[in-house]
PDB file of N, CA and C in Angstrom:
ATOM      1  N   MET A   1     113.307 218.243 116.524  1.00  0.00           N
ATOM      2  CA  MET A   1     112.049 218.537 116.775  1.00  0.00           C
ATOM      3  C   MET A   1     111.956 218.772 118.333  1.00  0.00           C
ATOM      4  N   ARG A   2     111.188 219.616 118.714  1.00  0.00           N
ATOM      5  CA  ARG A   2     110.917 219.646 119.934  1.00  0.00           C
ATOM      6  C   ARG A   2     110.190 218.769 120.354  1.00  0.00           C
ATOM      7  N   ARG A   3     110.211 218.594 121.772  1.00  0.00           N
ATOM      8  CA  ARG A   3     108.876 217.378 122.264  1.00  0.00           C
ATOM      9  C   ARG A   3     107.542 218.238 122.099  1.00  0.00           C
ATOM     10  N   SER A   4     107.362 219.288 122.120  1.00  0.00           N
ATOM     11  CA  SER A   4     105.855 219.985 122.250  1.00  0.00           C
ATOM     12  C   SER A   4     105.380 219.705 120.837  1.00  0.00           C
ATOM     13  N   GLN A   5     106.218 220.164 120.066  1.00  0.00           N
ATOM     14  CA  GLN A   5     105.879 219.795 118.489  1.00  0.00           C
ATOM     15  C   GLN A   5     105.508 218.442 118.133  1.00  0.00           C
ATOM     16  N   MET A   6     106.586 217.450 118.687  1.00  0.00           N
ATOM     17  CA  MET A   6     106.031 215.838 118.780  1.00  0.00           C
ATOM     18  C   MET A   6     104.911 215.633 119.103  1.00  0.00           C
ATOM     19  N   PHE A   7     104.374 215.987 120.273  1.00  0.00           N
ATOM     20  CA  PHE A   7     103.337 215.915 120.643  1.00  0.00           C
ATOM     21  C   PHE A   7     102.082 216.148 120.143  1.00  0.00           C
ATOM     22  N   HIS A   8     102.394 217.470 119.615  1.00  0.00           N
ATOM     23  CA  HIS A   8     101.118 218.044 118.664  1.00  0.00           C
ATOM     24  C   HIS A   8     100.948 217.338 117.163  1.00  0.00           C
ATOM     25  N   GLN A   9     102.052 216.731 116.732  1.00  0.00           N
ATOM     26  CA  GLN A   9     102.005 215.780 115.995  1.00  0.00           C
ATOM     27  C   GLN A   9     101.228 214.436 116.100  1.00  0.00           C
ATOM     28  N   ILE A  10     101.602 213.977 116.893  1.00  0.00           N
ATOM     29  CA  ILE A  10     101.019 212.773 117.592  1.00  0.00           C
ATOM     30  C   ILE A  10      99.574 212.944 117.643  1.00  0.00           C
ATOM     31  N   CYS A  11      99.450 213.766 118.420  1.00  0.00           N
ATOM     32  CA  CYS A  11      97.932 214.313 118.710  1.00  0.00           C
ATOM     33  C   CYS A  11      96.942 214.469 117.432  1.00  0.00           C
ATOM     34  N   ARG A  12      97.734 214.970 116.638  1.00  0.00           N
ATOM     35  CA  ARG A  12      96.755 215.044 114.937  1.00  0.00           C
ATOM     36  C   ARG A  12      96.978 213.770 114.447  1.00  0.00           C
ATOM     37  N   LEU A  13      97.840 213.115 114.448  1.00  0.00           N
ATOM     38  CA  LEU A  13      97.582 211.826 114.182  1.00  0.00           C
ATOM     39  C   LEU A  13      96.908 210.804 114.454  1.00  0.00           C
ATOM     40  N   THR A  14      96.274 210.878 116.030  1.00  0.00           N
ATOM     41  CA  THR A  14      95.420 210.265 116.460  1.00  0.00           C
ATOM     42  C   THR A  14      94.253 210.482 116.305  1.00  0.00           C
ATOM     43  N   LYS A  15      94.121 211.970 116.134  1.00  0.00           N
ATOM     44  CA  LYS A  15      92.377 212.344 115.896  1.00  0.00           C
ATOM     45  C   LYS A  15      92.274 211.815 114.559  1.00  0.00           C
ATOM     46  N   ALA A  16      93.441 212.345 113.391  1.00  0.00           N
ATOM     47  CA  ALA A  16      92.850 211.518 112.048  1.00  0.00           C
ATOM     48  C   ALA A  16      92.571 210.362 112.060  1.00  0.00           C
ATOM     49  N   THR A  17      93.379 209.415 113.057  1.00  0.00           N
ATOM     50  CA  THR A  17      93.154 208.033 113.052  1.00  0.00           C
ATOM     51  C   THR A  17      91.591 207.539 113.606  1.00  0.00           C
ATOM     52  N   HIS A  18      91.573 208.301 114.547  1.00  0.00           N
ATOM     53  CA  HIS A  18      89.981 207.949 115.342  1.00  0.00           C
ATOM     54  C   HIS A  18      88.905 208.485 114.211  1.00  0.00           C
ATOM     55  N   LEU A  19      89.462 209.533 113.112  1.00  0.00           N
ATOM     56  CA  LEU A  19      88.304 209.790 112.414  1.00  0.00           C
ATOM     57  C   LEU A  19      87.834 209.071 111.369  1.00  0.00           C
ATOM     58  N   THR A  20      89.340 208.143 110.858  1.00  0.00           N
ATOM     59  CA  THR A  20      89.211 206.970 109.956  1.00  0.00           C
ATOM     60  C   THR A  20      88.462 206.014 110.214  1.00  0.00           C
ATOM     61  N   ASN A  21      88.870 205.486 111.865  1.00  0.00           N
ATOM     62  CA  ASN A  21      88.344 204.727 112.250  1.00  0.00           C
ATOM     63  C   ASN A  21      86.713 204.472 112.282  1.00  0.00           C
ATOM     64  N   GLY A  22      86.006 205.818 112.604  1.00  0.00           N
ATOM     65  CA  GLY A  22      85.136 206.115 112.765  1.00  0.00           C
ATOM     66  C   GLY A  22      84.343 205.953 111.696  1.00  0.00           C
ATOM     67  N   LEU A  23      84.806 206.432 110.384  1.00  0.00           N
ATOM     68  CA  LEU A  23      84.160 206.319 109.160  1.00  0.00           C
ATOM     69  C   LEU A  23      84.308 205.118 108.490  1.00  0.00           C
ATOM     70  N   ILE A  24      85.202 204.465 108.925  1.00  0.00           N
ATOM     71  CA  ILE A  24      85.209 202.933 108.499  1.00  0.00           C
ATOM     72  C   ILE A  24      84.111 202.004 109.196  1.00  0.00           C
ATOM     73  N   ARG A  25      83.519 202.427 110.573  1.00  0.00           N
ATOM     74  CA  ARG A  25      83.092 201.701 111.362  1.00  0.00           C
ATOM     75  C   ARG A  25      81.444 201.975 110.782  1.00  0.00           C
ATOM     76  N   LEU A  26      81.309 203.262 110.399  1.00  0.00           N
ATOM     77  CA  LEU A  26      80.106 203.747 109.842  1.00  0.00           C
ATOM     78  C   LEU A  26      79.858 203.202 108.615  1.00  0.00           C
ATOM     79  N   GLN A  27      80.729 203.253 107.667  1.00  0.00           N
ATOM     80  CA  GLN A  27      80.963 202.434 106.567  1.00  0.00           C
ATOM     81  C   GLN A  27      80.126 201.135 106.530  1.00  0.00           C
ATOM     82  N   SER A  28      81.130 200.242 107.434  1.00  0.00           N
ATOM     83  CA  SER A  28      80.229 199.093 107.339  1.00  0.00           C
ATOM     84  C   SER A  28      79.048 198.694 108.131  1.00  0.00           C
ATOM     85  N   THR A  29      78.724 199.413 108.982  1.00  0.00           N
ATOM     86  CA  THR A  29      77.445 199.688 109.437  1.00  0.00           C
ATOM     87  C   THR A  29      76.196 199.618 108.428  1.00  0.00           C
ATOM     88  N   VAL A  30      76.680 200.812 107.417  1.00  0.00           N
ATOM     89  CA  VAL A  30      75.385 200.826 106.644  1.00  0.00           C
ATOM     90  C   VAL A  30      75.627 199.738 105.752  1.00  0.00           C
ATOM     91  N   ASN A  31      76.820 199.351 105.256  1.00  0.00           N
ATOM     92  CA  ASN A  31      76.945 197.989 104.707  1.00  0.00           C
ATOM     93  C   ASN A  31      75.674 196.968 104.963  1.00  0.00           C
ATOM     94  N   CYS A  32      76.211 196.907 106.097  1.00  0.00           N
ATOM     95  CA  CYS A  32      75.063 195.494 106.906  1.00  0.00           C
ATOM     96  C   CYS A  32      73.641 196.157 106.538  1.00  0.00           C
ATOM     97  N   GLN A  33      73.469 197.082 106.800  1.00  0.00           N
ATOM     98  CA  GLN A  33      71.752 197.450 107.083  1.00  0.00           C
ATOM     99  C   GLN A  33      71.312 197.691 105.155  1.00  0.00           C
ATOM    100  N   LEU A  34      72.410 197.729 104.534  1.00  0.00           N
ATOM    101  CA  LEU A  34      71.755 197.742 102.914  1.00  0.00           C
ATOM    102  C   LEU A  34      71.523 195.995 103.101  1.00  0.00           C
ATOM    103  N   LEU A  35      72.425 195.287 103.157  1.00  0.00           N
ATOM    104  CA  LEU A  35      72.924 193.572 102.737  1.00  0.00           C
ATOM    105  C   LEU A  35      71.411 193.328 103.940  1.00  0.00           C
ATOM    106  N   TYR A  36      70.723 193.776 104.962  1.00  0.00           N
ATOM    107  CA  TYR A  36      69.923 193.044 105.695  1.00  0.00           C
ATOM    108  C   TYR A  36      68.455 193.822 104.894  1.00  0.00           C
ATOM    109  N   HIS A  37      68.259 194.704 104.424  1.00  0.00           N
ATOM    110  CA  HIS A  37      67.261 195.553 103.850  1.00  0.00           C
ATOM    111  C   HIS A  37      67.009 194.642 102.510  1.00  0.00           C
ATOM    112  N   GLN A  38      68.319 193.972 101.923  1.00  0.00           N
ATOM    113  CA  GLN A  38      67.949 192.963 100.549  1.00  0.00           C
ATOM    114  C   GLN A  38      67.877 191.575 100.842  1.00  0.00           C
ATOM    115  N   GLY A  39      67.957 191.368 102.212  1.00  0.00           N
ATOM    116  CA  GLY A  39      67.422 190.115 102.551  1.00  0.00           C
ATOM    117  C   GLY A  39      68.458 189.109 102.752  1.00  0.00           C
ATOM    118  N   ALA A  40      69.606 189.571 102.498  1.00  0.00           N
ATOM    119  CA  ALA A  40      71.107 188.686 102.346  1.00  0.00           C
ATOM    120  C   ALA A  40      71.396 188.504 103.498  1.00  0.00           C
ATOM    121  N   ILE A  41      71.262 188.965 104.492  1.00  0.00           N
ATOM    122  CA  ILE A  41      71.677 188.528 106.106  1.00  0.00           C
ATOM    123  C   ILE A  41      70.501 188.661 106.830  1.00  0.00           C
ATOM    124  N   PRO A  42      70.320 187.540 107.276  1.00  0.00           N
ATOM    125  CA  PRO A  42      69.121 187.140 108.365  1.00  0.00           C
ATOM    126  C   PRO A  42      69.727 187.530 109.822  1.00  0.00           C
ATOM    127  N   ILE A  43      69.304 188.460 110.119  1.00  0.00           N
ATOM    128  CA  ILE A  43      69.274 188.880 111.672  1.00  0.00           C
ATOM    129  C   ILE A  43      68.525 188.391 112.600  1.00  0.00           C
ATOM    130  N   SER A  44      69.144 187.615 113.377  1.00  0.00           N
ATOM    131  CA  SER A  44      68.646 186.972 114.546  1.00  0.00           C
ATOM    132  C   SER A  44      68.530 187.865 115.979  1.00  0.00           C
ATOM    133  N   LYS A  45      67.471 188.441 116.363  1.00  0.00           N
ATOM    134  CA  LYS A  45      67.491 189.199 117.550  1.00  0.00           C
ATOM    135  C   LYS A  45      67.418 188.428 118.787  1.00  0.00           C
TER     136      LYS A  45
END
């Protein structure tokens, strides 16, 4: 595998990972908000 191909592959993997992490973060934020609205989590400001 050429060096440029390798970098391209790594770049794609990194983008995919960032996307996945973003989705997971979004999901957990939504879950927290849902629990909060149900009164399960008291959030002190």
